[in-house]
Protein backbone atom coordinates (compact mmCIF):
# COMPACT_ATOMS: atom_id res chain seq x y z
CA UNK A 1 5.78 -2.34 33.13
CA UNK A 2 8.66 -3.40 30.87
CA UNK A 3 8.93 -2.96 27.10
CA UNK A 4 7.87 -6.51 26.25
CA UNK A 5 4.79 -6.30 28.48
CA UNK A 6 3.88 -2.98 26.87
CA UNK A 7 4.20 -4.51 23.38
CA UNK A 8 2.01 -7.46 24.33
CA UNK A 9 -0.62 -5.22 25.90
CA UNK A 10 -0.70 -2.90 22.86
CA UNK A 11 -1.08 -5.81 20.44
CA UNK A 12 -3.89 -7.32 22.52
CA UNK A 13 -5.60 -3.92 22.79
CA UNK A 14 -5.66 -3.86 18.98
CA UNK A 15 -6.54 -7.49 18.24
CA UNK A 16 -8.90 -8.04 21.22
CA UNK A 17 -8.10 -11.72 20.79
CA UNK A 18 -5.82 -13.57 23.22
CA UNK A 19 -5.19 -16.46 20.81
CA UNK A 20 -4.25 -14.13 17.93
CA UNK A 21 -1.90 -12.02 20.05
CA UNK A 22 -0.32 -15.13 21.53
CA UNK A 23 0.34 -16.55 18.04
CA UNK A 24 1.57 -13.36 16.39
CA UNK A 25 3.73 -12.20 19.31
CA UNK A 26 5.26 -15.65 19.89
CA UNK A 27 4.19 -16.16 23.50
CA UNK A 28 2.13 -18.88 25.11
CA UNK A 29 -1.49 -18.10 26.03
CA UNK A 30 -0.69 -18.62 29.70
CA UNK A 31 2.26 -16.19 29.55
CA UNK A 32 0.10 -13.55 27.86
CA UNK A 33 -2.60 -13.98 30.50
CA UNK A 34 -0.04 -13.58 33.29
CA UNK A 35 1.39 -10.43 31.69
CA UNK A 36 -2.03 -8.80 31.48
CA UNK A 37 -2.94 -9.84 35.03
CA UNK A 38 0.34 -8.40 36.31
CA UNK A 39 -0.30 -5.08 34.54
CA UNK A 40 -3.80 -4.95 36.01
CA UNK A 41 -2.38 -5.66 39.47
CA UNK A 42 0.28 -2.93 39.07
CA UNK A 43 -2.31 -0.37 37.97
CA UNK A 44 -5.02 -1.53 40.36
CA UNK A 45 -7.71 -1.67 37.66
CA UNK A 46 -9.17 -3.93 34.99
CA UNK A 47 -7.83 -3.23 31.50
CA UNK A 48 -10.07 -5.70 29.66
CA UNK A 49 -13.58 -7.03 30.10
CA UNK A 50 -13.40 -10.64 28.94
CA UNK A 51 -15.59 -13.68 28.82
CA UNK A 52 -15.60 -16.89 26.79
CA UNK A 53 -16.79 -15.14 23.62
CA UNK A 54 -15.33 -11.62 23.59
CA UNK A 55 -12.60 -9.29 24.83
CA UNK A 56 -13.15 -5.53 25.17
CA UNK A 57 -11.02 -2.69 26.50
CA UNK A 58 -12.34 -1.00 29.62
CA UNK A 59 -12.39 2.80 29.84
CA UNK A 60 -9.20 2.58 31.88
CA UNK A 61 -7.75 0.21 29.28
CA UNK A 62 -8.27 2.80 26.56
CA UNK A 63 -6.34 5.38 28.60
CA UNK A 64 -3.50 2.90 29.16
CA UNK A 65 -3.50 2.06 25.43
CA UNK A 66 -2.99 5.74 24.57
CA UNK A 67 -0.18 6.07 27.11
CA UNK A 68 1.60 2.88 26.03
CA UNK A 69 1.43 3.79 22.34
CA UNK A 70 3.11 7.16 23.01
CA UNK A 71 5.65 5.60 25.36
CA UNK A 72 6.68 2.91 22.86
CA UNK A 73 6.92 5.48 20.07
CA UNK A 74 9.31 7.52 22.21
CA UNK A 75 11.31 4.41 23.14
CA UNK A 76 11.64 3.30 19.51
CA UNK A 77 12.68 6.78 18.46
CA UNK A 78 15.32 6.83 21.20
CA UNK A 79 16.67 3.47 20.05
CA UNK A 80 16.83 4.69 16.49
CA UNK A 81 18.54 7.96 17.45
CA UNK A 82 21.19 6.11 19.44
CA UNK A 83 21.81 3.59 16.65
CA UNK A 84 22.15 6.31 14.04
CA UNK A 85 24.43 8.34 16.29
CA UNK A 86 26.89 5.44 16.47
CA UNK A 87 26.93 4.42 12.80
CA UNK A 88 25.35 5.29 9.48
CA UNK A 89 23.11 2.54 8.16
CA UNK A 90 23.65 1.37 4.59
CA UNK A 91 22.03 -1.20 2.32
CA UNK A 92 18.86 -1.66 0.29
CA UNK A 93 15.19 -1.91 1.24
CA UNK A 94 12.81 -3.47 -1.27
CA UNK A 95 9.53 -1.66 -0.72
CA UNK A 96 6.08 -2.34 -2.18
CA UNK A 97 2.98 -0.14 -2.18
CA UNK A 98 0.17 1.02 -4.43
CA UNK A 99 0.63 3.97 -6.78
CA UNK A 100 -1.75 5.96 -4.58
CA UNK A 101 0.17 5.19 -1.37
CA UNK A 102 3.38 6.32 -3.09
CA UNK A 103 1.74 9.76 -3.38
CA UNK A 104 -0.35 9.90 -0.21
CA UNK A 105 1.62 8.32 2.64
CA UNK A 106 5.08 7.18 1.53
CA UNK A 107 6.63 10.67 1.05
CA UNK A 108 6.20 11.66 4.71
CA UNK A 109 8.02 8.49 5.78
CA UNK A 110 10.72 8.79 3.13
CA UNK A 111 11.52 12.42 3.98
CA UNK A 112 12.49 11.39 7.52
CA UNK A 113 14.15 8.15 6.43
CA UNK A 114 16.45 9.86 3.93
CA UNK A 115 17.53 12.40 6.55
CA UNK A 116 18.44 9.69 9.05
CA UNK A 117 19.70 7.06 6.59
CA UNK A 118 21.15 9.02 3.66
CA UNK A 119 23.27 6.11 2.43
CA UNK A 120 20.38 3.63 2.29
CA UNK A 121 18.80 2.76 -1.05
CA UNK A 122 15.07 2.22 -1.59
CA UNK A 123 13.95 -0.05 -4.40
CA UNK A 124 10.25 0.75 -4.86
CA UNK A 125 7.73 -1.48 -6.64
CA UNK A 126 4.10 -0.41 -7.08
CA UNK A 127 1.08 -2.57 -7.83
CA UNK A 128 -2.24 -3.98 -6.66
CA UNK A 129 -2.73 -3.62 -2.88
CA UNK A 130 -3.97 -7.21 -2.68
CA UNK A 131 -0.53 -8.50 -3.71
CA UNK A 132 1.42 -6.94 -0.85
CA UNK A 133 1.40 -9.89 1.55
CA UNK A 134 2.09 -12.44 -1.20
CA UNK A 135 5.14 -10.46 -2.31
CA UNK A 136 6.45 -10.35 1.26
CA UNK A 137 5.80 -14.06 1.72
CA UNK A 138 7.55 -14.89 -1.56
CA UNK A 139 10.60 -12.86 -0.55
CA UNK A 140 10.18 -10.42 -3.45
CA UNK A 141 10.04 -7.38 -1.13
CA UNK A 142 11.16 -6.64 2.41
CA UNK A 143 8.40 -4.33 3.57
CA UNK A 144 5.08 -3.02 2.24
CA UNK A 145 2.50 -0.33 2.80
CA UNK A 146 -0.82 -2.16 2.77
CA UNK A 147 -4.27 -2.39 4.29
CA UNK A 148 -4.69 -4.72 7.26
CA UNK A 149 -5.97 -8.02 5.84
CA UNK A 150 -8.88 -10.14 7.04
CA UNK A 151 -6.28 -12.57 8.42
CA UNK A 152 -2.71 -11.44 9.09
CA UNK A 153 -0.25 -14.31 8.39
CA UNK A 154 1.24 -15.64 11.61
CA UNK A 155 4.84 -14.84 10.65
CA UNK A 156 4.15 -11.21 9.75
CA UNK A 157 3.88 -8.03 11.79
CA UNK A 158 1.77 -4.97 11.01
CA UNK A 159 2.03 -1.38 12.27
CA UNK A 160 -0.94 0.93 11.63
CA UNK A 161 -0.10 4.39 10.27
CA UNK A 162 -3.49 5.70 9.10
CA UNK A 163 -7.21 4.99 8.89
CA UNK A 164 -8.71 5.50 5.43
CA UNK A 165 -12.44 6.15 4.87
CA UNK A 166 -14.15 4.10 2.17
CA UNK A 167 -16.80 5.49 -0.17
CA UNK A 168 -19.20 4.39 -2.89
CA UNK A 169 -18.54 6.44 -6.03
CA UNK A 170 -20.44 7.04 -9.26
CA UNK A 171 -19.65 8.82 -12.55
CA UNK A 172 -20.33 12.50 -13.14
CA UNK A 173 -21.00 12.28 -16.87
CA UNK A 174 -24.54 11.68 -18.22
CA UNK A 175 -24.87 7.92 -18.64
CA UNK A 176 -27.13 4.94 -17.97
CA UNK A 177 -25.68 4.55 -14.47
CA UNK A 178 -26.77 8.04 -13.46
CA UNK A 179 -30.19 7.55 -15.05
CA UNK A 180 -30.66 4.52 -12.80
CA UNK A 181 -29.35 6.37 -9.75
CA UNK A 182 -31.83 9.19 -10.29
CA UNK A 183 -34.82 6.91 -9.66
CA UNK A 184 -36.52 7.03 -6.26
CA UNK A 185 -36.15 4.67 -4.57
CA UNK A 186 -32.96 3.38 -6.19
CA UNK A 187 -33.12 -0.24 -7.29
CA UNK A 188 -29.55 -1.23 -6.47
CA UNK A 189 -29.95 -4.57 -8.20
CA UNK A 190 -30.09 -2.65 -11.49
CA UNK A 191 -26.96 -0.56 -10.86
CA UNK A 192 -23.87 -2.00 -12.62
CA UNK A 193 -20.89 -2.56 -10.33
CA UNK A 194 -17.15 -2.12 -10.88
CA UNK A 195 -15.23 -4.55 -8.66
CA UNK A 196 -11.69 -5.62 -7.94
CA UNK A 197 -10.92 -9.30 -8.23
CA UNK A 198 -9.76 -9.54 -4.62
CA UNK A 199 -8.38 -7.58 -1.70
CA UNK A 200 -9.75 -5.21 0.97
CA UNK A 201 -11.91 -3.15 -1.42
CA UNK A 202 -13.53 -6.33 -2.69
CA UNK A 203 -14.26 -7.58 0.83
CA UNK A 204 -15.98 -4.30 1.73
CA UNK A 205 -17.96 -4.31 -1.48
CA UNK A 206 -19.07 -7.89 -0.84
CA UNK A 207 -20.04 -7.05 2.75
CA UNK A 208 -22.20 -4.12 1.58
CA UNK A 209 -23.97 -6.28 -1.00
CA UNK A 210 -24.59 -9.03 1.56
CA UNK A 211 -25.75 -6.70 4.34
CA UNK A 212 -28.16 -4.88 2.03
CA UNK A 213 -29.25 -7.99 0.08
CA UNK A 214 -28.14 -6.48 -3.24
CA UNK A 215 -27.41 -8.67 -6.26
CA UNK A 216 -26.20 -6.34 -8.99
CA UNK A 217 -24.64 -7.04 -12.36
CA UNK A 218 -20.84 -6.90 -12.12
CA UNK A 219 -20.08 -4.84 -15.20
CA UNK A 220 -16.28 -4.72 -14.89
CA UNK A 221 -13.63 -6.55 -12.86
CA UNK A 222 -10.21 -4.94 -12.56
CA UNK A 223 -6.90 -5.24 -10.71
CA UNK A 224 -6.13 -2.26 -8.50
CA UNK A 225 -8.13 0.53 -6.94
CA UNK A 226 -6.87 3.16 -9.37
CA UNK A 227 -8.38 1.27 -12.31
CA UNK A 228 -11.72 1.11 -10.50
CA UNK A 229 -11.90 4.91 -10.31
CA UNK A 230 -11.06 5.16 -14.00
CA UNK A 231 -13.79 2.71 -15.00
CA UNK A 232 -16.36 4.55 -12.87
CA UNK A 233 -15.30 7.86 -14.48
CA UNK A 234 -16.05 6.30 -17.88
CA UNK A 235 -19.60 5.50 -16.77
CA UNK A 236 -19.19 1.74 -16.36
CA UNK A 237 -20.80 1.54 -12.92
CA UNK A 238 -20.38 2.35 -9.24
CA UNK A 239 -17.52 1.14 -7.04
CA UNK A 240 -16.39 0.92 -3.41
CA UNK A 241 -13.03 2.73 -3.14
CA UNK A 242 -10.81 4.14 -0.34
CA UNK A 243 -10.73 7.93 -0.10
CA UNK A 244 -7.04 8.56 -0.98
CA UNK A 245 -7.46 6.69 -4.27
CA UNK A 246 -10.24 9.09 -5.22
CA UNK A 247 -8.36 12.19 -4.09
CA UNK A 248 -5.17 11.29 -5.98
CA UNK A 249 -6.81 10.02 -9.15
CA UNK A 250 -6.21 12.04 -12.34
CA UNK A 251 -9.95 11.60 -13.07
CA UNK A 252 -11.18 12.59 -9.59
CA UNK A 253 -13.25 15.43 -11.08
CA UNK A 254 -15.19 12.89 -13.13
CA UNK A 255 -16.47 10.85 -10.17
CA UNK A 256 -18.66 11.74 -7.19
CA UNK A 257 -19.24 10.21 -3.76
CA UNK A 258 -22.73 8.82 -3.26
CA UNK A 259 -24.45 9.72 -0.02
CA UNK A 260 -25.90 6.42 1.16
CA UNK A 261 -26.89 5.31 4.66
CA UNK A 262 -24.47 2.37 4.70
CA UNK A 263 -21.22 2.78 6.68
CA UNK A 264 -18.25 1.02 5.08
CA UNK A 265 -15.51 -0.32 7.31
CA UNK A 266 -12.44 1.93 6.86
CA UNK A 267 -9.05 0.61 5.77
CA UNK A 268 -6.33 0.29 8.38
CA UNK A 269 -3.25 1.32 6.39
CA UNK A 270 0.11 0.32 7.76
CA UNK A 271 3.54 -1.12 7.17
CA UNK A 272 4.00 -4.88 7.23
CA UNK A 273 6.91 -7.27 7.05
CA UNK A 274 8.13 -10.66 8.25
CA UNK A 275 8.63 -10.50 12.01
CA UNK A 276 12.09 -12.07 11.84
CA UNK A 277 13.35 -9.23 9.63
CA UNK A 278 12.77 -6.61 12.30
CA UNK A 279 16.20 -7.56 13.66
CA UNK A 280 17.85 -6.03 10.58
CA UNK A 281 18.93 -2.47 11.55
CA UNK A 282 17.96 -0.80 8.26
CA UNK A 283 14.48 -2.34 8.21
CA UNK A 284 14.08 -1.55 11.89
CA UNK A 285 14.91 2.09 11.19
CA UNK A 286 12.28 2.31 8.45
CA UNK A 287 9.72 0.50 10.64
CA UNK A 288 10.24 2.83 13.58
CA UNK A 289 10.03 5.97 11.46
CA UNK A 290 6.80 4.72 9.89
CA UNK A 291 5.39 3.92 13.32
CA UNK A 292 6.35 7.37 14.62
CA UNK A 293 4.25 8.96 11.83
CA UNK A 294 0.94 7.84 13.42
């Protein structure tokens, strides 16, 4: 198994979609199929169960996925170590993330990056998570920490660094919202909702409402997850929010997690950038350090 075959396998193991992996990894569908068949022949086992409608990892495929992920991490770290041993990287990286991510996940990456690239400069911009991919596409930033979108643009690459639970939160203070939540059973159609205009939190909120046939009043619409927590703390309604936003909010003591039977899809947090920029040594160094954090 060579490096390219390992990369293709790992992407397919994540996407479980031959067409998507073929498009995003810039290989033809027939080439991708041959690579997977060759790996299966080398290992003497099926890695994927596939039919016309679905692709799933086999038990053996899961074990190979774990091995390949560790192997590629070690390979990337070796590349980075050798590059940095031969020359110090300089330049600027324009980075975008949410305020919460700048507290929760960016420091661990930056601590290692500054040790290995002390002459590099980071220009950090914070804002609404939903804007990350647009800013990359527009050329305003080089790389972003963001949640995996419903549809990753074909010219971008994404490396997962963490999985973030998502919760429904309510205010702590006495208010109309809590009066309504105290009824049994709860009439969710009567509970005011705080929503973001767009982005991954909005998609999970919409999915919950659709799955449970809830049609509430949208009391407040905001930009950014942090503002959602603030509005809930003020008693404006309930909201669907990722866990780190709650934990790092200055008003976290004024909101509570509601124990409901519904399971929200977690966020896949990662680093993303245009695929063609991975050839730039400084961006490659940041990418590999972020990937090694998993």
